[in-house]
Amino acid sequence: MFVVHLMPAGTQFEVPANKTLLQGALDAGVPFPNRCQIGACATCLCRLQKGEVNYHLEPMLTEQEKQQGWIFACQAIPCSDLVVSFEESDDY
């Protein structure tokens, strides 16, 4: 189980090691933007502030987006506790 902190609201929820960030949020009753849940629509795009994720299939992100920490929550599987945000700022 990994703990996810959703900023700036400070919402916290747990994600089992075998589930995606989005699945964990929805299972915990956390309202998380999503549509297709397969990485095609980018609705669940969020910014990884701290922690690490893995993917079964690498999402279509530019090199700049990757460097800025953007991830697809519907495809990202936590490898550690996470801090994520929908904001552009690094001030967390």
Protein backbone atom coordinates (compact mmCIF):
# COMPACT_ATOMS: atom_id res chain seq x y z
CA MET A 1 0.00 0.00 0.00
CA PHE A 2 1.25 3.45 -0.92
CA VAL A 3 -0.04 6.75 0.46
CA VAL A 4 -0.89 9.49 -2.04
CA HIS A 5 -1.20 13.16 -1.07
CA LEU A 6 -3.23 15.17 -3.59
CA MET A 7 -2.22 18.82 -3.43
CA PRO A 8 -3.03 21.62 -2.86
CA ALA A 9 -6.17 20.29 -1.10
CA GLY A 10 -4.12 17.87 1.00
CA THR A 11 -6.45 14.95 0.27
CA GLN A 12 -4.84 11.65 1.22
CA PHE A 13 -5.66 8.12 0.07
CA GLU A 14 -4.01 4.72 -0.24
CA VAL A 15 -3.26 2.79 -3.42
CA PRO A 16 -2.49 -0.95 -3.40
CA ALA A 17 0.79 -1.85 -5.11
CA ASN A 18 -0.98 -3.50 -8.06
CA LYS A 19 -3.40 -0.65 -8.90
CA THR A 20 -3.02 2.57 -10.84
CA LEU A 21 -3.11 5.95 -9.17
CA LEU A 22 -6.53 6.62 -10.72
CA GLN A 23 -7.96 3.26 -9.62
CA GLY A 24 -6.78 3.90 -6.07
CA ALA A 25 -8.33 7.37 -6.01
CA LEU A 26 -11.68 6.18 -7.36
CA ASP A 27 -11.74 3.16 -5.01
CA ALA A 28 -11.14 5.56 -2.09
CA GLY A 29 -14.01 7.82 -3.22
CA VAL A 30 -11.66 10.65 -4.22
CA PRO A 31 -13.05 12.71 -7.11
CA PHE A 32 -10.28 12.52 -9.72
CA PRO A 33 -10.72 13.83 -13.28
CA ASN A 34 -10.96 10.99 -15.79
CA ARG A 35 -12.74 9.89 -18.95
CA CYS A 36 -11.28 7.07 -20.99
CA GLN A 37 -9.09 5.41 -18.31
CA ILE A 38 -6.71 4.11 -21.00
CA GLY A 39 -4.34 7.07 -21.44
CA ALA A 40 -5.85 8.50 -24.61
CA CYS A 41 -7.78 11.59 -23.42
CA ALA A 42 -5.27 13.17 -20.96
CA THR A 43 -8.11 14.12 -18.58
CA CYS A 44 -6.30 12.46 -15.64
CA LEU A 45 -2.97 14.17 -16.37
CA CYS A 46 -1.40 15.33 -13.11
CA ARG A 47 2.01 16.38 -11.89
CA LEU A 48 4.18 14.11 -9.78
CA GLN A 49 5.76 16.28 -7.07
CA LYS A 50 7.39 13.47 -5.07
CA GLY A 51 7.71 9.72 -5.44
CA GLU A 52 8.03 7.24 -8.27
CA VAL A 53 5.64 5.50 -10.63
CA ASN A 54 5.95 2.77 -13.26
CA TYR A 55 3.87 2.06 -16.34
CA HIS A 56 2.88 -1.16 -18.10
CA LEU A 57 2.80 0.92 -21.30
CA GLU A 58 4.73 4.18 -21.44
CA PRO A 59 2.28 7.08 -22.02
CA MET A 60 2.57 9.56 -24.86
CA LEU A 61 4.32 12.46 -23.14
CA THR A 62 6.85 14.86 -24.61
CA GLU A 63 10.33 14.92 -23.11
CA GLN A 64 9.56 18.34 -21.62
CA GLU A 65 6.34 17.04 -19.99
CA LYS A 66 8.27 14.11 -18.50
CA GLN A 67 10.93 16.46 -17.11
CA GLN A 68 8.20 18.61 -15.57
CA GLY A 69 6.78 15.55 -13.80
CA TRP A 70 3.50 15.13 -15.69
CA ILE A 71 1.98 11.64 -15.44
CA PHE A 72 -1.16 9.85 -16.59
CA ALA A 73 -2.91 8.75 -13.38
CA CYS A 74 -4.85 6.07 -15.27
CA GLN A 75 -1.61 4.35 -16.29
CA ALA A 76 0.74 5.25 -13.41
CA ILE A 77 1.36 2.49 -10.87
CA PRO A 78 2.88 3.87 -7.64
CA CYS A 79 6.28 2.47 -6.56
CA SER A 80 6.43 4.65 -3.44
CA ASP A 81 4.34 7.13 -1.49
CA LEU A 82 3.41 10.02 -3.78
CA VAL A 83 2.63 13.72 -3.77
CA VAL A 84 0.68 14.74 -6.87
CA SER A 85 -0.95 17.94 -8.03
CA PHE A 86 -3.03 19.35 -10.86
CA GLU A 87 -1.05 22.59 -10.53
CA GLU A 88 2.04 23.77 -12.41
CA SER A 89 3.83 25.02 -9.27
CA ASP A 90 6.67 23.24 -7.43
CA ASP A 91 5.78 24.89 -4.11
CA TYR A 92 4.58 21.81 -2.20
